[in-house]
Amino acid sequence: MDSTLHTIIEILLGISLSAAAGFRVFIPLLIVSGVSVFGHYDLPADFDWLENSQALGLFAIASILEVIGYSIPWFDHALDVLATPAAMIAGTVVAASVAPDMNPLIQWTLAIVAGGGTAGITKLLTNLLRGTSTAASGGLTNPIFAAVELAIAVLLSVLALTAPIVAGLLVIGLFSFGFYRLTKFVTRWRTQGRVKTLQE
């Protein structure tokens, strides 16, 4: 029973970090690298490359550049094109780095499906919400949206490592909200299309 619970917690940890990667690619990598460098989390031997000061410095620089890039209206959309596949890769890596001790094939399959998939879905939802924000404000509210994304990425990453069950529930809540907004957007788009057709 304890082993099963431990496995579930580690999976929730991986999913939460992957969701954080969907908001900001480098923040979860920076935080995982930081806690491992300072001895608060022991990564598997295959991920020793994350557990050194050079990696921590590179992730810190990349995180700063990413934050700056997302604060510039319109440039943030161009950044999303590059960030979407990068988020899926980062989600896969962080999920694999905290995965339970298991067969490498199962570990990486789980990391790709759960980690990369979670990061990809999160990124897709944030891209759609950003597009709605841009359409409504001409991009003026995008820096505020970017700040909220950054706060969520940091919160999720920290919670994932300190309270993975809470982080997992938060991810489920965020997904539910995102899918609700997506459904509302699609419904509005279809309604506008029907009205336009009737007017013609």
C-alpha atoms as a PDB file:
ATOM      1  CA  MET A   1       0.000   0.000   0.000  1.00  0.00           C
ATOM      2  CA  ASP A   2       2.806   2.422   0.973  1.00  0.00           C
ATOM      3  CA  SER A   3       4.625   1.603  -2.275  1.00  0.00           C
ATOM      4  CA  THR A   4       1.500   2.295  -4.347  1.00  0.00           C
ATOM      5  CA  LEU A   5       0.892   5.607  -2.553  1.00  0.00           C
ATOM      6  CA  HIS A   6       4.543   6.574  -3.057  1.00  0.00           C
ATOM      7  CA  THR A   7       4.251   5.820  -6.784  1.00  0.00           C
ATOM      8  CA  ILE A   8       1.051   7.880  -7.073  1.00  0.00           C
ATOM      9  CA  ILE A   9       2.708  10.809  -5.288  1.00  0.00           C
ATOM     10  CA  GLU A  10       5.725  10.667  -7.603  1.00  0.00           C
ATOM     11  CA  ILE A  11       3.430  10.582 -10.654  1.00  0.00           C
ATOM     12  CA  LEU A  12       1.522  13.615  -9.314  1.00  0.00           C
ATOM     13  CA  LEU A  13       4.878  15.311  -8.733  1.00  0.00           C
ATOM     14  CA  GLY A  14       5.903  14.671 -12.349  1.00  0.00           C
ATOM     15  CA  ILE A  15       2.561  15.818 -13.768  1.00  0.00           C
ATOM     16  CA  SER A  16       2.613  19.005 -11.681  1.00  0.00           C
ATOM     17  CA  LEU A  17       6.146  19.904 -12.780  1.00  0.00           C
ATOM     18  CA  SER A  18       5.172  19.151 -16.386  1.00  0.00           C
ATOM     19  CA  ALA A  19       2.146  21.434 -16.134  1.00  0.00           C
ATOM     20  CA  ALA A  20       4.473  24.144 -14.785  1.00  0.00           C
ATOM     21  CA  ALA A  21       6.642  23.654 -17.887  1.00  0.00           C
ATOM     22  CA  GLY A  22       3.554  24.388 -19.963  1.00  0.00           C
ATOM     23  CA  PHE A  23       3.384  27.839 -18.344  1.00  0.00           C
ATOM     24  CA  ARG A  24       7.135  28.546 -18.405  1.00  0.00           C
ATOM     25  CA  VAL A  25       9.576  26.110 -19.969  1.00  0.00           C
ATOM     26  CA  PHE A  26      12.619  26.751 -17.785  1.00  0.00           C
ATOM     27  CA  ILE A  27      11.093  27.542 -14.377  1.00  0.00           C
ATOM     28  CA  PRO A  28      10.506  23.900 -13.284  1.00  0.00           C
ATOM     29  CA  LEU A  29      13.932  22.897 -14.618  1.00  0.00           C
ATOM     30  CA  LEU A  30      15.488  25.790 -12.662  1.00  0.00           C
ATOM     31  CA  ILE A  31      13.683  24.834  -9.450  1.00  0.00           C
ATOM     32  CA  VAL A  32      14.412  21.090  -9.762  1.00  0.00           C
ATOM     33  CA  SER A  33      18.062  21.873 -10.495  1.00  0.00           C
ATOM     34  CA  GLY A  34      18.170  24.315  -7.560  1.00  0.00           C
ATOM     35  CA  VAL A  35      16.713  21.970  -4.951  1.00  0.00           C
ATOM     36  CA  SER A  36      18.990  19.158  -6.120  1.00  0.00           C
ATOM     37  CA  VAL A  37      22.143  21.340  -6.142  1.00  0.00           C
ATOM     38  CA  PHE A  38      21.411  22.537  -2.596  1.00  0.00           C
ATOM     39  CA  GLY A  39      20.784  18.975  -1.428  1.00  0.00           C
ATOM     40  CA  HIS A  40      17.040  19.113  -0.846  1.00  0.00           C
ATOM     41  CA  TYR A  41      16.161  16.551  -3.529  1.00  0.00           C
ATOM     42  CA  ASP A  42      18.116  13.554  -4.788  1.00  0.00           C
ATOM     43  CA  LEU A  43      17.799  13.011  -8.525  1.00  0.00           C
ATOM     44  CA  PRO A  44      18.483   9.649 -10.215  1.00  0.00           C
ATOM     45  CA  ALA A  45      22.021   9.079 -11.504  1.00  0.00           C
ATOM     46  CA  ASP A  46      20.858   9.572 -15.124  1.00  0.00           C
ATOM     47  CA  PHE A  47      19.969  13.171 -14.266  1.00  0.00           C
ATOM     48  CA  ASP A  48      23.233  14.236 -12.650  1.00  0.00           C
ATOM     49  CA  TRP A  49      23.549  16.807 -15.448  1.00  0.00           C
ATOM     50  CA  LEU A  50      20.714  18.745 -13.751  1.00  0.00           C
ATOM     51  CA  GLU A  51      22.428  18.558 -10.381  1.00  0.00           C
ATOM     52  CA  ASN A  52      25.300  21.011 -10.849  1.00  0.00           C
ATOM     53  CA  SER A  53      25.896  24.754 -10.582  1.00  0.00           C
ATOM     54  CA  GLN A  54      26.525  25.165 -14.338  1.00  0.00           C
ATOM     55  CA  ALA A  55      23.073  23.782 -15.194  1.00  0.00           C
ATOM     56  CA  LEU A  56      21.524  25.921 -12.467  1.00  0.00           C
ATOM     57  CA  GLY A  57      23.171  29.046 -13.913  1.00  0.00           C
ATOM     58  CA  LEU A  58      22.055  28.241 -17.471  1.00  0.00           C
ATOM     59  CA  PHE A  59      18.463  27.589 -16.376  1.00  0.00           C
ATOM     60  CA  ALA A  60      18.484  30.860 -14.404  1.00  0.00           C
ATOM     61  CA  ILE A  61      19.612  32.844 -17.479  1.00  0.00           C
ATOM     62  CA  ALA A  62      17.121  31.022 -19.733  1.00  0.00           C
ATOM     63  CA  SER A  63      14.304  31.685 -17.229  1.00  0.00           C
ATOM     64  CA  ILE A  64      15.114  35.411 -17.100  1.00  0.00           C
ATOM     65  CA  LEU A  65      15.185  35.668 -20.900  1.00  0.00           C
ATOM     66  CA  GLU A  66      11.908  33.751 -21.141  1.00  0.00           C
ATOM     67  CA  VAL A  67      10.243  36.060 -18.604  1.00  0.00           C
ATOM     68  CA  ILE A  68      11.456  39.158 -20.503  1.00  0.00           C
ATOM     69  CA  GLY A  69      10.305  37.716 -23.847  1.00  0.00           C
ATOM     70  CA  TYR A  70       6.792  37.014 -22.575  1.00  0.00           C
ATOM     71  CA  SER A  71       6.454  40.577 -21.244  1.00  0.00           C
ATOM     72  CA  ILE A  72       6.692  42.025 -24.770  1.00  0.00           C
ATOM     73  CA  PRO A  73       3.272  42.169 -26.507  1.00  0.00           C
ATOM     74  CA  TRP A  74       3.092  40.367 -29.871  1.00  0.00           C
ATOM     75  CA  PHE A  75       6.616  38.963 -29.448  1.00  0.00           C
ATOM     76  CA  ASP A  76       5.083  36.567 -26.923  1.00  0.00           C
ATOM     77  CA  HIS A  77       3.104  34.921 -29.739  1.00  0.00           C
ATOM     78  CA  ALA A  78       6.267  34.285 -31.739  1.00  0.00           C
ATOM     79  CA  LEU A  79       7.847  32.888 -28.589  1.00  0.00           C
ATOM     80  CA  ASP A  80       4.910  30.504 -28.165  1.00  0.00           C
ATOM     81  CA  VAL A  81       5.785  28.843 -31.493  1.00  0.00           C
ATOM     82  CA  LEU A  82       9.206  27.868 -30.116  1.00  0.00           C
ATOM     83  CA  ALA A  83       8.027  27.308 -26.557  1.00  0.00           C
ATOM     84  CA  THR A  84       5.348  24.720 -27.373  1.00  0.00           C
ATOM     85  CA  PRO A  85       7.699  21.874 -28.456  1.00  0.00           C
ATOM     86  CA  ALA A  86      10.258  23.018 -25.865  1.00  0.00           C
ATOM     87  CA  ALA A  87       7.620  22.765 -23.117  1.00  0.00           C
ATOM     88  CA  MET A  88       6.804  19.190 -24.154  1.00  0.00           C
ATOM     89  CA  ILE A  89      10.507  18.264 -24.022  1.00  0.00           C
ATOM     90  CA  ALA A  90      10.941  19.981 -20.637  1.00  0.00           C
ATOM     91  CA  GLY A  91       7.791  18.287 -19.329  1.00  0.00           C
ATOM     92  CA  THR A  92       9.132  14.904 -20.405  1.00  0.00           C
ATOM     93  CA  VAL A  93      12.528  15.540 -18.782  1.00  0.00           C
ATOM     94  CA  VAL A  94      11.177  16.737 -15.417  1.00  0.00           C
ATOM     95  CA  ALA A  95       8.629  13.910 -15.310  1.00  0.00           C
ATOM     96  CA  ALA A  96      11.358  11.336 -15.995  1.00  0.00           C
ATOM     97  CA  SER A  97      13.691  12.888 -13.420  1.00  0.00           C
ATOM     98  CA  VAL A  98      11.179  12.388 -10.603  1.00  0.00           C
ATOM     99  CA  ALA A  99       9.619   9.153 -11.891  1.00  0.00           C
ATOM    100  CA  PRO A 100       9.466   6.123  -9.592  1.00  0.00           C
ATOM    101  CA  ASP A 101      12.263   3.559  -9.785  1.00  0.00           C
ATOM    102  CA  MET A 102      11.080   1.382 -12.665  1.00  0.00           C
ATOM    103  CA  ASN A 103      12.053  -0.171 -15.966  1.00  0.00           C
ATOM    104  CA  PRO A 104      13.586   2.603 -18.163  1.00  0.00           C
ATOM    105  CA  LEU A 105      11.188   1.805 -21.030  1.00  0.00           C
ATOM    106  CA  ILE A 106       8.159   2.250 -18.739  1.00  0.00           C
ATOM    107  CA  GLN A 107       9.754   5.289 -17.096  1.00  0.00           C
ATOM    108  CA  TRP A 108      10.301   7.151 -20.381  1.00  0.00           C
ATOM    109  CA  THR A 109       6.978   6.053 -21.873  1.00  0.00           C
ATOM    110  CA  LEU A 110       5.219   7.396 -18.785  1.00  0.00           C
ATOM    111  CA  ALA A 111       7.320  10.572 -18.928  1.00  0.00           C
ATOM    112  CA  ILE A 112       6.494  11.196 -22.596  1.00  0.00           C
ATOM    113  CA  VAL A 113       2.769  10.462 -22.246  1.00  0.00           C
ATOM    114  CA  ALA A 114       2.100  12.017 -18.816  1.00  0.00           C
ATOM    115  CA  GLY A 115       4.876  14.612 -18.723  1.00  0.00           C
ATOM    116  CA  GLY A 116       5.108  15.724 -22.336  1.00  0.00           C
ATOM    117  CA  GLY A 117       1.349  15.364 -22.794  1.00  0.00           C
ATOM    118  CA  THR A 118       0.533  17.458 -19.715  1.00  0.00           C
ATOM    119  CA  ALA A 119       2.986  20.179 -20.731  1.00  0.00           C
ATOM    120  CA  GLY A 120       1.620  20.189 -24.295  1.00  0.00           C
ATOM    121  CA  ILE A 121      -2.014  20.450 -23.185  1.00  0.00           C
ATOM    122  CA  THR A 122      -1.145  23.209 -20.704  1.00  0.00           C
ATOM    123  CA  LYS A 123       0.745  25.124 -23.379  1.00  0.00           C
ATOM    124  CA  LEU A 124      -2.144  24.733 -25.844  1.00  0.00           C
ATOM    125  CA  LEU A 125      -4.618  26.110 -23.298  1.00  0.00           C
ATOM    126  CA  THR A 126      -2.380  29.061 -22.400  1.00  0.00           C
ATOM    127  CA  ASN A 127      -1.854  29.829 -26.101  1.00  0.00           C
ATOM    128  CA  LEU A 128      -5.625  29.923 -26.648  1.00  0.00           C
ATOM    129  CA  LEU A 129      -6.178  32.096 -23.573  1.00  0.00           C
ATOM    130  CA  ARG A 130      -3.363  34.419 -24.698  1.00  0.00           C
ATOM    131  CA  GLY A 131      -4.976  34.654 -28.132  1.00  0.00           C
ATOM    132  CA  THR A 132      -8.284  35.617 -26.511  1.00  0.00           C
ATOM    133  CA  SER A 133      -6.476  38.219 -24.397  1.00  0.00           C
ATOM    134  CA  THR A 134      -4.776  39.681 -27.469  1.00  0.00           C
ATOM    135  CA  ALA A 135      -8.022  39.829 -29.440  1.00  0.00           C
ATOM    136  CA  ALA A 136      -9.830  41.551 -26.568  1.00  0.00           C
ATOM    137  CA  SER A 137      -7.151  44.109 -25.663  1.00  0.00           C
ATOM    138  CA  GLY A 138      -4.912  44.377 -28.713  1.00  0.00           C
ATOM    139  CA  GLY A 139      -2.108  42.810 -26.691  1.00  0.00           C
ATOM    140  CA  LEU A 140      -2.111  45.452 -23.931  1.00  0.00           C
ATOM    141  CA  THR A 141      -3.085  42.967 -21.208  1.00  0.00           C
ATOM    142  CA  ASN A 142      -0.588  40.321 -22.347  1.00  0.00           C
ATOM    143  CA  PRO A 143       2.145  41.402 -19.875  1.00  0.00           C
ATOM    144  CA  ILE A 144      -0.382  40.929 -17.035  1.00  0.00           C
ATOM    145  CA  PHE A 145      -1.310  37.528 -18.453  1.00  0.00           C
ATOM    146  CA  ALA A 146       2.419  36.690 -18.663  1.00  0.00           C
ATOM    147  CA  ALA A 147       2.932  37.663 -15.008  1.00  0.00           C
ATOM    148  CA  VAL A 148       0.051  35.390 -13.958  1.00  0.00           C
ATOM    149  CA  GLU A 149       1.549  32.511 -15.987  1.00  0.00           C
ATOM    150  CA  LEU A 150       4.927  33.051 -14.323  1.00  0.00           C
ATOM    151  CA  ALA A 151       3.363  33.069 -10.848  1.00  0.00           C
ATOM    152  CA  ILE A 152       1.483  29.832 -11.607  1.00  0.00           C
ATOM    153  CA  ALA A 153       4.663  28.171 -12.960  1.00  0.00           C
ATOM    154  CA  VAL A 154       6.615  29.059  -9.800  1.00  0.00           C
ATOM    155  CA  LEU A 155       3.752  28.091  -7.477  1.00  0.00           C
ATOM    156  CA  LEU A 156       3.189  24.742  -9.212  1.00  0.00           C
ATOM    157  CA  SER A 157       6.904  23.901  -9.227  1.00  0.00           C
ATOM    158  CA  VAL A 158       7.339  24.689  -5.528  1.00  0.00           C
ATOM    159  CA  LEU A 159       4.098  22.938  -4.547  1.00  0.00           C
ATOM    160  CA  ALA A 160       5.011  19.884  -6.646  1.00  0.00           C
ATOM    161  CA  LEU A 161       8.176  19.400  -4.577  1.00  0.00           C
ATOM    162  CA  THR A 162       6.640  20.264  -1.189  1.00  0.00           C
ATOM    163  CA  ALA A 163       3.007  19.119  -1.480  1.00  0.00           C
ATOM    164  CA  PRO A 164       2.583  17.005  -4.650  1.00  0.00           C
ATOM    165  CA  ILE A 165      -0.991  15.952  -3.847  1.00  0.00           C
ATOM    166  CA  VAL A 166      -2.073  19.598  -3.482  1.00  0.00           C
ATOM    167  CA  ALA A 167      -0.189  20.454  -6.685  1.00  0.00           C
ATOM    168  CA  GLY A 168      -1.886  17.580  -8.517  1.00  0.00           C
ATOM    169  CA  LEU A 169      -5.333  18.771  -7.412  1.00  0.00           C
ATOM    170  CA  LEU A 170      -4.416  22.303  -8.497  1.00  0.00           C
ATOM    171  CA  VAL A 171      -3.424  21.034 -11.949  1.00  0.00           C
ATOM    172  CA  ILE A 172      -6.765  19.220 -12.256  1.00  0.00           C
ATOM    173  CA  GLY A 173      -8.521  22.459 -11.272  1.00  0.00           C
ATOM    174  CA  LEU A 174      -6.529  24.489 -13.804  1.00  0.00           C
ATOM    175  CA  PHE A 175      -7.274  21.962 -16.550  1.00  0.00           C
ATOM    176  CA  SER A 176     -10.982  22.067 -15.701  1.00  0.00           C
ATOM    177  CA  PHE A 177     -10.966  25.878 -15.879  1.00  0.00           C
ATOM    178  CA  GLY A 178      -8.975  25.811 -19.135  1.00  0.00           C
ATOM    179  CA  PHE A 179     -11.311  23.337 -20.801  1.00  0.00           C
ATOM    180  CA  TYR A 180     -14.295  25.371 -19.592  1.00  0.00           C
ATOM    181  CA  ARG A 181     -12.836  28.510 -21.192  1.00  0.00           C
ATOM    182  CA  LEU A 182     -12.002  26.567 -24.362  1.00  0.00           C
ATOM    183  CA  THR A 183     -15.552  25.185 -24.601  1.00  0.00           C
ATOM    184  CA  LYS A 184     -16.954  28.679 -24.055  1.00  0.00           C
ATOM    185  CA  PHE A 185     -14.667  30.085 -26.766  1.00  0.00           C
ATOM    186  CA  VAL A 186     -15.650  27.372 -29.281  1.00  0.00           C
ATOM    187  CA  THR A 187     -19.365  27.857 -28.494  1.00  0.00           C
ATOM    188  CA  ARG A 188     -19.069  31.629 -28.998  1.00  0.00           C
ATOM    189  CA  TRP A 189     -17.152  31.129 -32.256  1.00  0.00           C
ATOM    190  CA  ARG A 190     -19.797  28.738 -33.588  1.00  0.00           C
ATOM    191  CA  THR A 191     -22.612  31.104 -32.541  1.00  0.00           C
ATOM    192  CA  GLN A 192     -20.953  34.043 -34.287  1.00  0.00           C
ATOM    193  CA  GLY A 193     -20.483  31.892 -37.399  1.00  0.00           C
ATOM    194  CA  ARG A 194     -24.169  30.950 -37.451  1.00  0.00           C
ATOM    195  CA  VAL A 195     -25.267  34.569 -36.969  1.00  0.00           C
ATOM    196  CA  LYS A 196     -23.002  35.685 -39.809  1.00  0.00           C
ATOM    197  CA  THR A 197     -24.411  32.949 -42.082  1.00  0.00           C
ATOM    198  CA  LEU A 198     -27.988  33.985 -41.302  1.00  0.00           C
ATOM    199  CA  GLN A 199     -27.194  37.633 -41.993  1.00  0.00           C
ATOM    200  CA  GLU A 200     -25.789  36.739 -45.387  1.00  0.00           C
END
